[in-house]
PDB file of N, CA and C in Angstrom:
ATOM      1  N   UNK A   1      43.235  83.314  20.966  1.00  0.00           N
ATOM      2  CA  UNK A   1      42.600  81.917  20.522  1.00  0.00           C
ATOM      3  C   UNK A   1      42.515  80.834  21.622  1.00  0.00           C
ATOM      4  N   UNK A   2      41.136  80.753  21.792  1.00  0.00           N
ATOM      5  CA  UNK A   2      40.842  79.689  23.328  1.00  0.00           C
ATOM      6  C   UNK A   2      41.349  78.214  23.010  1.00  0.00           C
ATOM      7  N   UNK A   3      41.797  77.584  23.833  1.00  0.00           N
ATOM      8  CA  UNK A   3      42.358  76.255  23.546  1.00  0.00           C
ATOM      9  C   UNK A   3      41.241  75.161  24.206  1.00  0.00           C
ATOM     10  N   UNK A   4      41.123  74.033  23.489  1.00  0.00           N
ATOM     11  CA  UNK A   4      39.948  73.184  23.994  1.00  0.00           C
ATOM     12  C   UNK A   4      40.646  72.441  25.315  1.00  0.00           C
ATOM     13  N   UNK A   5      41.827  72.219  25.380  1.00  0.00           N
ATOM     14  CA  UNK A   5      42.366  71.430  26.553  1.00  0.00           C
ATOM     15  C   UNK A   5      43.335  72.549  27.431  1.00  0.00           C
ATOM     16  N   UNK A   6      42.841  73.157  28.324  1.00  0.00           N
ATOM     17  CA  UNK A   6      43.448  74.062  29.275  1.00  0.00           C
ATOM     18  C   UNK A   6      44.603  73.512  30.066  1.00  0.00           C
ATOM     19  N   UNK A   7      44.720  72.179  30.324  1.00  0.00           N
ATOM     20  CA  UNK A   7      45.457  71.434  31.282  1.00  0.00           C
ATOM     21  C   UNK A   7      46.512  70.447  30.054  1.00  0.00           C
ATOM     22  N   UNK A   8      46.595  71.135  28.937  1.00  0.00           N
ATOM     23  CA  UNK A   8      47.370  70.411  27.808  1.00  0.00           C
ATOM     24  C   UNK A   8      48.623  69.550  28.421  1.00  0.00           C
ATOM     25  N   UNK A   9      49.659  70.569  28.904  1.00  0.00           N
ATOM     26  CA  UNK A   9      51.155  70.106  28.935  1.00  0.00           C
ATOM     27  C   UNK A   9      51.032  69.626  30.421  1.00  0.00           C
ATOM     28  N   UNK A  10      49.953  69.422  31.351  1.00  0.00           N
ATOM     29  CA  UNK A  10      50.104  69.362  32.864  1.00  0.00           C
ATOM     30  C   UNK A  10      50.082  67.310  32.969  1.00  0.00           C
ATOM     31  N   UNK A  11      51.113  67.104  34.068  1.00  0.00           N
ATOM     32  CA  UNK A  11      51.072  65.809  34.408  1.00  0.00           C
ATOM     33  C   UNK A  11      49.932  64.831  34.739  1.00  0.00           C
ATOM     34  N   UNK A  12      48.906  65.469  35.303  1.00  0.00           N
ATOM     35  CA  UNK A  12      47.748  65.182  35.920  1.00  0.00           C
ATOM     36  C   UNK A  12      46.619  65.036  34.916  1.00  0.00           C
ATOM     37  N   UNK A  13      45.587  64.158  34.738  1.00  0.00           N
ATOM     38  CA  UNK A  13      44.518  64.596  33.744  1.00  0.00           C
ATOM     39  C   UNK A  13      43.689  65.611  34.539  1.00  0.00           C
ATOM     40  N   UNK A  14      43.041  66.249  33.727  1.00  0.00           N
ATOM     41  CA  UNK A  14      42.177  67.663  34.227  1.00  0.00           C
ATOM     42  C   UNK A  14      41.196  67.409  35.278  1.00  0.00           C
ATOM     43  N   UNK A  15      40.809  66.322  35.242  1.00  0.00           N
ATOM     44  CA  UNK A  15      39.557  65.783  36.288  1.00  0.00           C
ATOM     45  C   UNK A  15      40.190  65.648  37.627  1.00  0.00           C
ATOM     46  N   UNK A  16      41.565  65.577  37.579  1.00  0.00           N
ATOM     47  CA  UNK A  16      42.373  65.361  38.931  1.00  0.00           C
ATOM     48  C   UNK A  16      42.615  66.740  39.286  1.00  0.00           C
ATOM     49  N   UNK A  17      43.160  67.414  38.411  1.00  0.00           N
ATOM     50  CA  UNK A  17      43.653  68.798  38.664  1.00  0.00           C
ATOM     51  C   UNK A  17      42.127  69.690  39.298  1.00  0.00           C
ATOM     52  N   UNK A  18      41.102  69.436  38.550  1.00  0.00           N
ATOM     53  CA  UNK A  18      39.809  69.901  38.775  1.00  0.00           C
ATOM     54  C   UNK A  18      39.217  69.896  40.308  1.00  0.00           C
ATOM     55  N   UNK A  19      39.328  68.336  40.608  1.00  0.00           N
ATOM     56  CA  UNK A  19      39.188  67.756  42.025  1.00  0.00           C
ATOM     57  C   UNK A  19      39.887  68.166  42.961  1.00  0.00           C
ATOM     58  N   UNK A  20      41.267  68.528  42.938  1.00  0.00           N
ATOM     59  CA  UNK A  20      41.814  69.344  43.786  1.00  0.00           C
ATOM     60  C   UNK A  20      41.619  70.643  44.287  1.00  0.00           C
ATOM     61  N   UNK A  21      41.508  71.382  43.081  1.00  0.00           N
ATOM     62  CA  UNK A  21      41.280  72.783  43.258  1.00  0.00           C
ATOM     63  C   UNK A  21      40.093  72.899  43.791  1.00  0.00           C
ATOM     64  N   UNK A  22      38.773  72.322  43.534  1.00  0.00           N
ATOM     65  CA  UNK A  22      37.558  72.376  44.087  1.00  0.00           C
ATOM     66  C   UNK A  22      37.817  72.127  45.616  1.00  0.00           C
ATOM     67  N   UNK A  23      38.397  70.976  45.850  1.00  0.00           N
ATOM     68  CA  UNK A  23      38.446  70.916  47.643  1.00  0.00           C
ATOM     69  C   UNK A  23      39.089  71.905  48.010  1.00  0.00           C
ATOM     70  N   UNK A  24      40.367  72.552  47.590  1.00  0.00           N
ATOM     71  CA  UNK A  24      40.965  73.364  48.121  1.00  0.00           C
ATOM     72  C   UNK A  24      40.239  74.822  48.350  1.00  0.00           C
ATOM     73  N   UNK A  25      39.451  75.056  47.299  1.00  0.00           N
ATOM     74  CA  UNK A  25      38.798  76.275  47.208  1.00  0.00           C
ATOM     75  C   UNK A  25      37.336  76.302  48.318  1.00  0.00           C
ATOM     76  N   UNK A  26      36.599  74.994  48.095  1.00  0.00           N
ATOM     77  CA  UNK A  26      35.400  74.932  48.606  1.00  0.00           C
ATOM     78  C   UNK A  26      35.424  74.883  50.338  1.00  0.00           C
ATOM     79  N   UNK A  27      36.630  73.937  50.872  1.00  0.00           N
ATOM     80  CA  UNK A  27      36.593  73.609  52.113  1.00  0.00           C
ATOM     81  C   UNK A  27      38.058  74.601  52.885  1.00  0.00           C
ATOM     82  N   UNK A  28      37.847  74.486  54.131  1.00  0.00           N
ATOM     83  CA  UNK A  28      39.197  75.471  54.706  1.00  0.00           C
ATOM     84  C   UNK A  28      40.212  74.042  54.776  1.00  0.00           C
ATOM     85  N   UNK A  29      40.905  73.924  53.276  1.00  0.00           N
ATOM     86  CA  UNK A  29      42.119  73.012  53.624  1.00  0.00           C
ATOM     87  C   UNK A  29      43.643  73.384  53.516  1.00  0.00           C
ATOM     88  N   UNK A  30      44.242  72.779  53.892  1.00  0.00           N
ATOM     89  CA  UNK A  30      45.814  73.171  53.794  1.00  0.00           C
ATOM     90  C   UNK A  30      46.281  72.280  52.592  1.00  0.00           C
ATOM     91  N   UNK A  31      47.230  72.657  51.866  1.00  0.00           N
ATOM     92  CA  UNK A  31      47.748  71.726  50.505  1.00  0.00           C
ATOM     93  C   UNK A  31      48.046  70.443  51.187  1.00  0.00           C
ATOM     94  N   UNK A  32      48.428  70.179  52.364  1.00  0.00           N
ATOM     95  CA  UNK A  32      48.767  68.760  52.950  1.00  0.00           C
ATOM     96  C   UNK A  32      47.268  67.983  52.884  1.00  0.00           C
ATOM     97  N   UNK A  33      46.485  68.494  53.620  1.00  0.00           N
ATOM     98  CA  UNK A  33      44.993  68.226  53.690  1.00  0.00           C
ATOM     99  C   UNK A  33      44.546  67.560  52.522  1.00  0.00           C
ATOM    100  N   UNK A  34      44.538  68.366  50.900  1.00  0.00           N
ATOM    101  CA  UNK A  34      44.342  67.942  49.755  1.00  0.00           C
ATOM    102  C   UNK A  34      44.928  66.885  49.542  1.00  0.00           C
ATOM    103  N   UNK A  35      46.228  66.943  49.393  1.00  0.00           N
ATOM    104  CA  UNK A  35      47.150  65.723  49.270  1.00  0.00           C
ATOM    105  C   UNK A  35      46.730  64.358  49.936  1.00  0.00           C
ATOM    106  N   UNK A  36      46.506  64.550  51.375  1.00  0.00           N
ATOM    107  CA  UNK A  36      46.023  63.376  52.224  1.00  0.00           C
ATOM    108  C   UNK A  36      44.688  62.961  51.359  1.00  0.00           C
ATOM    109  N   UNK A  37      43.682  63.883  51.125  1.00  0.00           N
ATOM    110  CA  UNK A  37      42.364  63.300  50.344  1.00  0.00           C
ATOM    111  C   UNK A  37      42.781  62.665  49.188  1.00  0.00           C
ATOM    112  N   UNK A  38      43.609  63.248  48.181  1.00  0.00           N
ATOM    113  CA  UNK A  38      43.715  62.646  46.995  1.00  0.00           C
ATOM    114  C   UNK A  38      44.456  61.445  47.131  1.00  0.00           C
ATOM    115  N   UNK A  39      45.279  61.079  48.136  1.00  0.00           N
ATOM    116  CA  UNK A  39      46.101  59.939  48.467  1.00  0.00           C
ATOM    117  C   UNK A  39      44.890  58.813  48.627  1.00  0.00           C
ATOM    118  N   UNK A  40      43.927  59.044  49.640  1.00  0.00           N
ATOM    119  CA  UNK A  40      42.945  58.089  49.568  1.00  0.00           C
ATOM    120  C   UNK A  40      41.918  57.674  48.754  1.00  0.00           C
ATOM    121  N   UNK A  41      42.042  58.491  47.811  1.00  0.00           N
ATOM    122  CA  UNK A  41      41.501  58.163  46.112  1.00  0.00           C
ATOM    123  C   UNK A  41      42.609  57.617  45.111  1.00  0.00           C
ATOM    124  N   UNK A  42      43.552  57.141  46.146  1.00  0.00           N
ATOM    125  CA  UNK A  42      44.628  56.613  45.296  1.00  0.00           C
ATOM    126  C   UNK A  42      45.673  57.415  44.071  1.00  0.00           C
ATOM    127  N   UNK A  43      45.556  58.657  44.474  1.00  0.00           N
ATOM    128  CA  UNK A  43      46.366  59.685  43.530  1.00  0.00           C
ATOM    129  C   UNK A  43      47.543  59.534  44.654  1.00  0.00           C
ATOM    130  N   UNK A  44      48.864  59.513  43.943  1.00  0.00           N
ATOM    131  CA  UNK A  44      50.011  60.196  44.633  1.00  0.00           C
ATOM    132  C   UNK A  44      50.493  61.310  44.276  1.00  0.00           C
ATOM    133  N   UNK A  45      50.097  62.366  44.705  1.00  0.00           N
ATOM    134  CA  UNK A  45      50.438  63.738  44.551  1.00  0.00           C
ATOM    135  C   UNK A  45      51.319  64.282  45.755  1.00  0.00           C
ATOM    136  N   UNK A  46      52.378  65.026  45.384  1.00  0.00           N
ATOM    137  CA  UNK A  46      53.257  65.895  46.189  1.00  0.00           C
ATOM    138  C   UNK A  46      52.602  67.255  46.722  1.00  0.00           C
ATOM    139  N   UNK A  47      52.659  67.630  47.972  1.00  0.00           N
ATOM    140  CA  UNK A  47      52.186  68.786  48.435  1.00  0.00           C
ATOM    141  C   UNK A  47      52.408  70.025  47.497  1.00  0.00           C
ATOM    142  N   UNK A  48      53.654  69.928  47.253  1.00  0.00           N
ATOM    143  CA  UNK A  48      54.169  71.332  46.339  1.00  0.00           C
ATOM    144  C   UNK A  48      53.609  70.949  44.996  1.00  0.00           C
ATOM    145  N   UNK A  49      53.090  69.779  44.360  1.00  0.00           N
ATOM    146  CA  UNK A  49      52.163  69.679  43.114  1.00  0.00           C
ATOM    147  C   UNK A  49      50.717  70.612  43.406  1.00  0.00           C
ATOM    148  N   UNK A  50      50.415  70.236  44.246  1.00  0.00           N
ATOM    149  CA  UNK A  50      48.956  70.892  44.846  1.00  0.00           C
ATOM    150  C   UNK A  50      49.067  72.718  44.839  1.00  0.00           C
ATOM    151  N   UNK A  51      50.193  72.848  45.289  1.00  0.00           N
ATOM    152  CA  UNK A  51      50.565  74.355  45.092  1.00  0.00           C
ATOM    153  C   UNK A  51      50.390  74.923  43.859  1.00  0.00           C
TER     154      UNK A  51
END
């Protein structure tokens, strides 16, 4: 049975998760690079969280 909320039990909103995944997959970035880009947008995310 498909769920309407695939990120239901995650700490961050779905928009934030999708933004991080999109950046990581679209550009040749490291986890630290993605963390830095999210920090520029005002989101405090640890590198291991992006992993």
